[in-house]
Structures are given as structure tokens and as C-alpha cells.
Amino acid sequence: TSDKQAVLDRFIRCQEQTVLYMYAPGISDGKTLDPARIKSLAGVAFGDPGVHTVDMQNHRAVYVATGPDLTASALKDIARQAGVHLYSDQYLPVYANDRFLGLHTAQGGCQTIRLPRESAEVCELFTDRVIAKNCVEFEYEFKGPDTALFAW
């Protein structure tokens, strides 16, 4: 509806943000269905396969027609292009706030972990071990499967 469009324009489709649209965004105006609306909203015609990034007037639109096209790699690329801080290049579940960082991996091995800002000390809380000092990046050896919780 026009009311919902106004909310999107005011809070979402503005300030150079990235908006991810899937399948048929805006196909309905509350009364009718029209696939042409998708192109005006997402910048790509309804059903175009793959992941499409379109620079719109006040934001960047990313359109994905089907779920299988939104792979972990594609999602990570979309996040990176949107300016999201990525703690790891690996495909790991990450839980983070401004003091704690939790990561889980099914496979072991050495991982490089990047923080969004410098930390005076990084401590792994399950082992109570100091991992690094005065850093924005550190390495951690995971056993597989393994979960680590860091205070930073």
C-alpha cells in the first residue's frame, strides 16, 4: 500500500542502506497483483534468477528470486558490500555484541578473527586464557567441532 511504501522510504530505502528483496516484493498494492511493481521496488524484473545488486536513488537494492540463489557465499558478499563487519572469512555461526564474541565451527583449524575495533585484551572465557593483546585481529586454534567465547 502507499502507506507501507512511505514507511519503507522513510526508514529502510534511504541513507545509502542495502535492502535485500526476495521473490515478489511489492507485487500487491493491497488490491491487485502486478509483477511490474517488483522492478520499480527492487530494480529487477520478477523472477530474474541469481543475485542482482542495483543502485537505486537513495539505497542499494539486492534482489534474489529464489531461496537457493541466496547461498552463504552470496549472503556474505551482500553483507560485506553493505558495510557489515565480518568477524571471519569462514562460514561460521557468529554471536557478537560490544563485549563478547562467540563462534562455532564444525571443523577444527586455525581461524583468523577480526574485531570491529582495537581491543586491549582478548580472553577466551571457557579456558580463561588470554589470546591476544592490543589487537584488531587475532588467530585462534579451534578443535573440531568447537565453540569459543571471547571477551574483548
N, C-alpha and C. Protein backbone atom coordinates (compact mmCIF):
# COMPACT_ATOMS: atom_id res chain seq x y z
N THR A 1 0.84 -1.18 0.00
CA THR A 1 0.00 0.00 0.00
C THR A 1 0.89 1.25 0.00
N SER A 2 0.31 2.36 -0.31
CA SER A 2 1.09 3.60 -0.31
C SER A 2 1.60 3.94 1.09
N ASP A 3 0.82 3.60 2.12
CA ASP A 3 1.28 3.84 3.50
C ASP A 3 2.52 3.00 3.81
N LYS A 4 2.48 1.75 3.43
CA LYS A 4 3.64 0.88 3.67
C LYS A 4 4.84 1.31 2.83
N GLN A 5 4.61 1.78 1.63
CA GLN A 5 5.68 2.30 0.79
C GLN A 5 6.33 3.51 1.44
N ALA A 6 5.53 4.37 2.04
CA ALA A 6 6.06 5.56 2.72
C ALA A 6 6.93 5.17 3.91
N VAL A 7 6.54 4.14 4.64
CA VAL A 7 7.35 3.66 5.77
C VAL A 7 8.67 3.10 5.25
N LEU A 8 8.63 2.31 4.20
CA LEU A 8 9.86 1.79 3.60
C LEU A 8 10.78 2.92 3.17
N ASP A 9 10.22 3.91 2.49
CA ASP A 9 11.03 5.03 2.01
C ASP A 9 11.62 5.85 3.14
N ARG A 10 10.88 6.00 4.22
CA ARG A 10 11.36 6.82 5.34
C ARG A 10 12.42 6.13 6.18
N PHE A 11 12.24 4.82 6.42
CA PHE A 11 13.12 4.13 7.37
C PHE A 11 14.07 3.10 6.75
N ILE A 12 13.75 2.58 5.60
CA ILE A 12 14.52 1.47 5.04
C ILE A 12 15.24 1.87 3.75
N ARG A 13 14.53 2.39 2.80
CA ARG A 13 15.07 2.72 1.48
C ARG A 13 15.65 4.12 1.48
N CYS A 14 16.64 4.35 2.34
CA CYS A 14 17.21 5.69 2.50
C CYS A 14 18.64 5.58 3.03
N GLN A 15 19.29 6.67 3.10
CA GLN A 15 20.61 6.79 3.73
C GLN A 15 21.62 5.77 3.22
N GLU A 16 21.53 5.47 1.92
CA GLU A 16 22.51 4.58 1.28
C GLU A 16 22.53 3.18 1.89
N GLN A 17 21.45 2.76 2.50
CA GLN A 17 21.37 1.42 3.07
C GLN A 17 21.22 0.37 1.97
N THR A 18 21.49 -0.88 2.33
CA THR A 18 21.28 -2.00 1.42
C THR A 18 20.02 -2.73 1.86
N VAL A 19 19.13 -2.98 0.90
CA VAL A 19 17.87 -3.66 1.17
C VAL A 19 17.85 -4.96 0.38
N LEU A 20 17.59 -6.06 1.04
CA LEU A 20 17.52 -7.36 0.39
C LEU A 20 16.06 -7.71 0.15
N TYR A 21 15.71 -7.91 -1.12
CA TYR A 21 14.36 -8.28 -1.51
C TYR A 21 14.37 -9.72 -2.02
N MET A 22 13.35 -10.49 -1.64
CA MET A 22 13.26 -11.86 -2.11
C MET A 22 11.90 -12.13 -2.74
N TYR A 23 11.93 -12.92 -3.77
CA TYR A 23 10.82 -13.46 -4.53
C TYR A 23 9.92 -12.40 -5.16
N ALA A 24 8.93 -11.87 -4.45
CA ALA A 24 7.95 -10.97 -5.07
C ALA A 24 7.63 -9.76 -4.20
N PRO A 25 8.64 -8.95 -3.88
CA PRO A 25 8.36 -7.79 -3.03
C PRO A 25 7.50 -6.77 -3.76
N GLY A 26 6.49 -6.27 -3.11
CA GLY A 26 5.65 -5.22 -3.67
C GLY A 26 4.71 -5.66 -4.77
N ILE A 27 4.56 -6.95 -4.96
CA ILE A 27 3.69 -7.44 -6.04
C ILE A 27 2.23 -7.02 -5.81
N SER A 28 1.87 -6.82 -4.54
CA SER A 28 0.50 -6.44 -4.20
C SER A 28 0.45 -5.01 -3.69
N ASP A 29 -0.57 -4.29 -4.11
CA ASP A 29 -0.81 -2.95 -3.56
C ASP A 29 -1.95 -2.99 -2.54
N GLY A 30 -2.32 -4.19 -2.14
CA GLY A 30 -3.41 -4.37 -1.21
C GLY A 30 -4.72 -4.69 -1.91
N LYS A 31 -4.74 -4.49 -3.23
CA LYS A 31 -5.96 -4.74 -4.00
C LYS A 31 -5.71 -5.64 -5.21
N THR A 32 -4.55 -5.44 -5.86
CA THR A 32 -4.25 -6.21 -7.07
C THR A 32 -2.84 -6.77 -7.00
N LEU A 33 -2.55 -7.74 -7.87
CA LEU A 33 -1.20 -8.27 -8.02
C LEU A 33 -0.65 -7.82 -9.37
N ASP A 34 0.57 -7.25 -9.35
CA ASP A 34 1.19 -6.80 -10.58
C ASP A 34 2.71 -6.99 -10.47
N PRO A 35 3.26 -7.99 -11.19
CA PRO A 35 4.70 -8.23 -11.13
C PRO A 35 5.56 -7.04 -11.56
N ALA A 36 5.00 -6.11 -12.32
CA ALA A 36 5.77 -4.93 -12.75
C ALA A 36 6.19 -4.07 -11.56
N ARG A 37 5.44 -4.13 -10.47
CA ARG A 37 5.79 -3.35 -9.27
C ARG A 37 7.14 -3.78 -8.70
N ILE A 38 7.49 -5.03 -8.90
CA ILE A 38 8.74 -5.56 -8.34
C ILE A 38 9.93 -4.81 -8.93
N LYS A 39 9.91 -4.58 -10.23
CA LYS A 39 11.02 -3.86 -10.86
C LYS A 39 11.15 -2.44 -10.32
N SER A 40 10.04 -1.76 -10.09
CA SER A 40 10.14 -0.40 -9.57
C SER A 40 10.65 -0.40 -8.12
N LEU A 41 10.36 -1.44 -7.37
CA LEU A 41 10.80 -1.52 -5.98
C LEU A 41 12.23 -2.05 -5.86
N ALA A 42 12.53 -3.16 -6.57
CA ALA A 42 13.81 -3.84 -6.41
C ALA A 42 14.80 -3.59 -7.54
N GLY A 43 14.34 -2.95 -8.63
CA GLY A 43 15.24 -2.65 -9.72
C GLY A 43 15.48 -3.80 -10.69
N VAL A 44 14.80 -4.93 -10.48
CA VAL A 44 14.98 -6.12 -11.30
C VAL A 44 13.60 -6.72 -11.57
N ALA A 45 13.43 -7.27 -12.75
CA ALA A 45 12.15 -7.89 -13.10
C ALA A 45 11.89 -9.13 -12.25
N PHE A 46 10.64 -9.37 -11.97
CA PHE A 46 10.20 -10.53 -11.20
C PHE A 46 10.77 -11.82 -11.78
N GLY A 47 11.37 -12.61 -10.90
CA GLY A 47 11.84 -13.93 -11.26
C GLY A 47 13.20 -14.01 -11.91
N ASP A 48 13.89 -12.88 -12.14
CA ASP A 48 15.23 -12.96 -12.72
C ASP A 48 16.12 -13.81 -11.81
N PRO A 49 16.69 -14.90 -12.34
CA PRO A 49 17.49 -15.79 -11.49
C PRO A 49 18.80 -15.15 -11.07
N GLY A 50 19.31 -15.61 -9.96
CA GLY A 50 20.59 -15.12 -9.45
C GLY A 50 20.41 -14.04 -8.39
N VAL A 51 21.53 -13.41 -8.08
CA VAL A 51 21.57 -12.32 -7.11
C VAL A 51 21.90 -11.04 -7.87
N HIS A 52 21.03 -10.05 -7.78
CA HIS A 52 21.20 -8.80 -8.53
C HIS A 52 21.31 -7.64 -7.56
N THR A 53 22.33 -6.81 -7.76
CA THR A 53 22.52 -5.61 -6.96
C THR A 53 22.29 -4.40 -7.86
N VAL A 54 21.40 -3.51 -7.43
CA VAL A 54 21.05 -2.34 -8.23
C VAL A 54 21.16 -1.11 -7.34
N ASP A 55 21.92 -0.12 -7.80
CA ASP A 55 21.97 1.15 -7.07
C ASP A 55 20.73 1.95 -7.42
N MET A 56 19.91 2.20 -6.41
CA MET A 56 18.68 2.95 -6.58
C MET A 56 18.95 4.40 -6.17
N GLN A 57 17.92 5.22 -6.11
CA GLN A 57 18.09 6.64 -5.82
C GLN A 57 18.74 6.90 -4.46
N ASN A 58 18.22 6.29 -3.39
CA ASN A 58 18.72 6.55 -2.04
C ASN A 58 19.27 5.32 -1.33
N HIS A 59 19.35 4.20 -2.04
CA HIS A 59 19.78 2.96 -1.40
C HIS A 59 20.25 1.97 -2.45
N ARG A 60 20.75 0.85 -1.98
CA ARG A 60 21.15 -0.24 -2.85
C ARG A 60 20.15 -1.38 -2.67
N ALA A 61 19.58 -1.85 -3.76
CA ALA A 61 18.63 -2.95 -3.73
C ALA A 61 19.34 -4.23 -4.17
N VAL A 62 19.11 -5.29 -3.42
CA VAL A 62 19.61 -6.61 -3.80
C VAL A 62 18.38 -7.49 -3.96
N TYR A 63 18.23 -8.09 -5.14
CA TYR A 63 17.07 -8.93 -5.42
C TYR A 63 17.50 -10.37 -5.64
N VAL A 64 16.80 -11.28 -4.96
CA VAL A 64 17.02 -12.71 -5.11
C VAL A 64 15.65 -13.34 -5.33
N ALA A 65 15.48 -14.00 -6.48
CA ALA A 65 14.18 -14.55 -6.83
C ALA A 65 13.86 -15.84 -6.08
N THR A 66 14.87 -16.66 -5.83
CA THR A 66 14.62 -17.95 -5.17
C THR A 66 15.59 -18.17 -4.02
N GLY A 67 15.12 -18.89 -3.01
CA GLY A 67 15.95 -19.19 -1.85
C GLY A 67 17.28 -19.85 -2.17
N PRO A 68 17.31 -20.85 -3.07
CA PRO A 68 18.59 -21.50 -3.36
C PRO A 68 19.65 -20.56 -3.93
N ASP A 69 19.24 -19.44 -4.54
CA ASP A 69 20.23 -18.47 -5.03
C ASP A 69 20.92 -17.71 -3.90
N LEU A 70 20.30 -17.67 -2.75
CA LEU A 70 20.88 -16.94 -1.61
C LEU A 70 21.76 -17.89 -0.81
N THR A 71 22.92 -18.18 -1.36
CA THR A 71 23.88 -19.08 -0.71
C THR A 71 24.60 -18.35 0.42
N ALA A 72 25.30 -19.10 1.23
CA ALA A 72 26.09 -18.49 2.30
C ALA A 72 27.12 -17.53 1.72
N SER A 73 27.72 -17.91 0.62
CA SER A 73 28.71 -17.04 -0.03
C SER A 73 28.06 -15.75 -0.53
N ALA A 74 26.90 -15.87 -1.17
CA ALA A 74 26.20 -14.68 -1.66
C ALA A 74 25.79 -13.77 -0.51
N LEU A 75 25.28 -14.35 0.56
CA LEU A 75 24.85 -13.56 1.71
C LEU A 75 26.04 -12.83 2.34
N LYS A 76 27.17 -13.51 2.42
CA LYS A 76 28.37 -12.89 2.98
C LYS A 76 28.84 -11.73 2.08
N ASP A 77 28.77 -11.91 0.76
CA ASP A 77 29.14 -10.83 -0.16
C ASP A 77 28.20 -9.63 -0.04
N ILE A 78 26.91 -9.90 0.09
CA ILE A 78 25.93 -8.83 0.27
C ILE A 78 26.23 -8.06 1.55
N ALA A 79 26.49 -8.78 2.63
CA ALA A 79 26.79 -8.13 3.91
C ALA A 79 28.07 -7.30 3.80
N ARG A 80 29.10 -7.85 3.17
CA ARG A 80 30.37 -7.13 3.03
C ARG A 80 30.15 -5.83 2.23
N GLN A 81 29.42 -5.92 1.12
CA GLN A 81 29.16 -4.73 0.30
C GLN A 81 28.31 -3.70 1.03
N ALA A 82 27.50 -4.16 1.98
CA ALA A 82 26.66 -3.25 2.76
C ALA A 82 27.42 -2.61 3.91
N GLY A 83 28.67 -3.02 4.11
CA GLY A 83 29.47 -2.44 5.19
C GLY A 83 29.35 -3.15 6.52
N VAL A 84 28.80 -4.35 6.52
CA VAL A 84 28.69 -5.14 7.75
C VAL A 84 30.07 -5.65 8.12
N HIS A 85 30.42 -5.56 9.39
CA HIS A 85 31.70 -6.10 9.85
C HIS A 85 31.62 -7.62 9.85
N LEU A 86 32.58 -8.26 9.19
CA LEU A 86 32.65 -9.72 9.17
C LEU A 86 33.80 -10.17 10.06
N TYR A 87 33.47 -10.93 11.07
CA TYR A 87 34.47 -11.38 12.03
C TYR A 87 35.38 -12.45 11.46
N SER A 88 34.89 -13.21 10.49
CA SER A 88 35.66 -14.31 9.93
C SER A 88 35.34 -14.46 8.45
N ASP A 89 36.31 -14.94 7.68
CA ASP A 89 36.05 -15.24 6.28
C ASP A 89 35.37 -16.59 6.12
N GLN A 90 35.40 -17.39 7.17
CA GLN A 90 34.79 -18.71 7.14
C GLN A 90 33.27 -18.58 7.33
N TYR A 91 32.56 -19.65 7.02
CA TYR A 91 31.11 -19.68 7.19
C TYR A 91 30.79 -20.27 8.56
N LEU A 92 30.84 -19.42 9.56
CA LEU A 92 30.65 -19.83 10.95
C LEU A 92 29.47 -19.09 11.56
N PRO A 93 28.75 -19.76 12.46
CA PRO A 93 27.78 -19.00 13.26
C PRO A 93 28.55 -18.06 14.18
N VAL A 94 28.16 -16.80 14.18
CA VAL A 94 28.82 -15.77 14.98
C VAL A 94 27.77 -15.07 15.82
N TYR A 95 28.05 -14.91 17.09
CA TYR A 95 27.18 -14.18 18.02
C TYR A 95 28.06 -13.12 18.66
N ALA A 96 27.68 -11.85 18.50
CA ALA A 96 28.57 -10.80 18.98
C ALA A 96 27.79 -9.60 19.49
N ASN A 97 28.40 -8.93 20.46
CA ASN A 97 27.95 -7.61 20.88
C ASN A 97 29.21 -6.79 21.14
N ASP A 98 29.11 -5.70 21.86
CA ASP A 98 30.27 -4.84 22.03
C ASP A 98 31.27 -5.34 23.06
N ARG A 99 31.01 -6.48 23.73
CA ARG A 99 31.93 -7.03 24.73
C ARG A 99 32.27 -8.50 24.53
N PHE A 100 31.36 -9.25 23.89
CA PHE A 100 31.55 -10.69 23.75
C PHE A 100 31.42 -11.13 22.30
N LEU A 101 32.13 -12.20 21.99
CA LEU A 101 32.10 -12.78 20.66
C LEU A 101 32.11 -14.29 20.80
N GLY A 102 31.11 -14.93 20.23
CA GLY A 102 31.04 -16.39 20.23
C GLY A 102 31.07 -16.91 18.81
N LEU A 103 31.89 -17.93 18.59
CA LEU A 103 31.98 -18.57 17.28
C LEU A 103 31.91 -20.07 17.46
N HIS A 104 31.30 -20.73 16.48
CA HIS A 104 31.25 -22.18 16.49
C HIS A 104 31.74 -22.70 15.14
N THR A 105 32.44 -23.80 15.16
CA THR A 105 32.89 -24.42 13.93
C THR A 105 32.73 -25.93 14.01
N ALA A 106 32.34 -26.54 12.92
CA ALA A 106 32.22 -28.00 12.85
C ALA A 106 33.60 -28.61 12.61
N GLN A 107 34.44 -27.89 11.88
CA GLN A 107 35.80 -28.36 11.62
C GLN A 107 36.78 -27.57 12.46
N GLY A 108 37.87 -28.21 12.82
CA GLY A 108 38.91 -27.52 13.57
C GLY A 108 39.82 -26.74 12.65
N GLY A 109 40.83 -26.18 13.26
CA GLY A 109 41.83 -25.45 12.50
C GLY A 109 42.00 -24.04 12.98
N CYS A 110 43.03 -23.42 12.46
CA CYS A 110 43.35 -22.05 12.85
C CYS A 110 42.47 -21.08 12.07
N GLN A 111 41.84 -20.18 12.80
CA GLN A 111 40.96 -19.18 12.21
C GLN A 111 41.49 -17.78 12.54
N THR A 112 41.45 -16.91 11.56
CA THR A 112 41.75 -15.51 11.80
C THR A 112 40.43 -14.81 12.11
N ILE A 113 40.42 -14.10 13.22
CA ILE A 113 39.21 -13.42 13.68
C ILE A 113 39.50 -11.93 13.74
N ARG A 114 38.60 -11.15 13.12
CA ARG A 114 38.76 -9.70 13.08
C ARG A 114 37.72 -9.03 13.96
N LEU A 115 38.18 -8.09 14.76
CA LEU A 115 37.29 -7.32 15.63
C LEU A 115 36.95 -5.99 14.96
N PRO A 116 35.82 -5.39 15.29
CA PRO A 116 35.45 -4.12 14.67
C PRO A 116 36.25 -2.92 15.18
N ARG A 117 36.92 -3.11 16.30
CA ARG A 117 37.79 -2.05 16.84
C ARG A 117 38.89 -2.70 17.67
N GLU A 118 39.88 -1.93 18.01
CA GLU A 118 41.01 -2.48 18.77
C GLU A 118 40.57 -2.89 20.17
N SER A 119 41.14 -3.99 20.62
CA SER A 119 40.88 -4.49 21.96
C SER A 119 42.18 -4.54 22.75
N ALA A 120 42.13 -4.10 23.99
CA ALA A 120 43.31 -4.17 24.84
C ALA A 120 43.66 -5.61 25.17
N GLU A 121 42.62 -6.45 25.29
CA GLU A 121 42.87 -7.85 25.63
C GLU A 121 41.70 -8.71 25.16
N VAL A 122 42.03 -9.83 24.55
CA VAL A 122 41.03 -10.82 24.13
C VAL A 122 41.24 -12.06 24.99
N CYS A 123 40.19 -12.45 25.71
CA CYS A 123 40.27 -13.60 26.60
C CYS A 123 39.23 -14.63 26.16
N GLU A 124 39.66 -15.89 26.01
CA GLU A 124 38.71 -16.97 25.70
C GLU A 124 38.14 -17.42 27.04
N LEU A 125 36.82 -17.29 27.20
CA LEU A 125 36.20 -17.44 28.52
C LEU A 125 36.05 -18.89 28.98
N PHE A 126 35.91 -19.85 28.07
CA PHE A 126 35.78 -21.24 28.51
C PHE A 126 37.08 -21.76 29.11
N THR A 127 38.22 -21.28 28.61
CA THR A 127 39.52 -21.72 29.13
C THR A 127 40.18 -20.67 30.02
N ASP A 128 39.60 -19.46 30.09
CA ASP A 128 40.15 -18.34 30.85
C ASP A 128 41.58 -18.03 30.41
N ARG A 129 41.79 -18.09 29.11
CA ARG A 129 43.12 -17.88 28.54
C ARG A 129 43.14 -16.58 27.75
N VAL A 130 44.17 -15.76 27.96
CA VAL A 130 44.37 -14.55 27.17
C VAL A 130 44.90 -14.97 25.81
N ILE A 131 44.19 -14.57 24.76
CA ILE A 131 44.54 -14.98 23.40
C ILE A 131 45.40 -13.93 22.71
N ALA A 132 45.09 -12.65 22.93
CA ALA A 132 45.83 -11.58 22.26
C ALA A 132 45.68 -10.30 23.06
N LYS A 133 46.59 -9.37 22.81
CA LYS A 133 46.54 -8.05 23.44
C LYS A 133 46.75 -6.97 22.38
N ASN A 134 46.09 -5.83 22.60
CA ASN A 134 46.24 -4.67 21.72
C ASN A 134 46.13 -5.06 20.24
N CYS A 135 44.97 -5.55 19.88
CA CYS A 135 44.81 -6.08 18.52
C CYS A 135 43.43 -5.76 17.96
N VAL A 136 43.32 -5.81 16.66
CA VAL A 136 42.03 -5.78 15.97
C VAL A 136 41.81 -7.11 15.25
N GLU A 137 42.84 -7.96 15.27
CA GLU A 137 42.77 -9.26 14.61
C GLU A 137 43.60 -10.24 15.42
N PHE A 138 43.11 -11.46 15.52
CA PHE A 138 43.88 -12.50 16.22
C PHE A 138 43.58 -13.85 15.61
N GLU A 139 44.43 -14.82 15.93
CA GLU A 139 44.23 -16.18 15.45
C GLU A 139 43.86 -17.07 16.63
N TYR A 140 43.01 -18.03 16.33
CA TYR A 140 42.58 -18.97 17.36
C TYR A 140 42.52 -20.36 16.76
N GLU A 141 43.04 -21.33 17.47
CA GLU A 141 43.05 -22.72 17.02
C GLU A 141 41.82 -23.43 17.57
N PHE A 142 40.91 -23.77 16.67
CA PHE A 142 39.69 -24.49 17.04
C PHE A 142 39.93 -25.99 16.92
N LYS A 143 39.36 -26.73 17.85
CA LYS A 143 39.28 -28.17 17.70
C LYS A 143 37.94 -28.42 17.02
N GLY A 144 37.81 -29.50 16.28
CA GLY A 144 36.54 -29.69 15.57
C GLY A 144 35.71 -30.80 16.16
N PRO A 145 34.44 -30.60 16.35
CA PRO A 145 33.73 -29.32 16.41
C PRO A 145 34.09 -28.58 17.69
N ASP A 146 33.91 -27.26 17.65
CA ASP A 146 34.35 -26.45 18.80
C ASP A 146 33.57 -25.14 18.83
N THR A 147 33.42 -24.63 20.03
CA THR A 147 32.82 -23.32 20.25
C THR A 147 33.75 -22.52 21.15
N ALA A 148 33.96 -21.26 20.82
CA ALA A 148 34.79 -20.38 21.64
C ALA A 148 33.98 -19.14 21.97
N LEU A 149 34.17 -18.65 23.19
CA LEU A 149 33.52 -17.42 23.63
C LEU A 149 34.61 -16.48 24.12
N PHE A 150 34.68 -15.32 23.47
CA PHE A 150 35.72 -14.36 23.77
C PHE A 150 35.13 -13.12 24.43
N ALA A 151 35.84 -12.60 25.42
CA ALA A 151 35.59 -11.27 25.97
C ALA A 151 36.66 -10.39 25.37
N TRP A 152 36.25 -9.22 24.88
CA TRP A 152 37.24 -8.35 24.23
C TRP A 152 37.05 -6.90 24.57
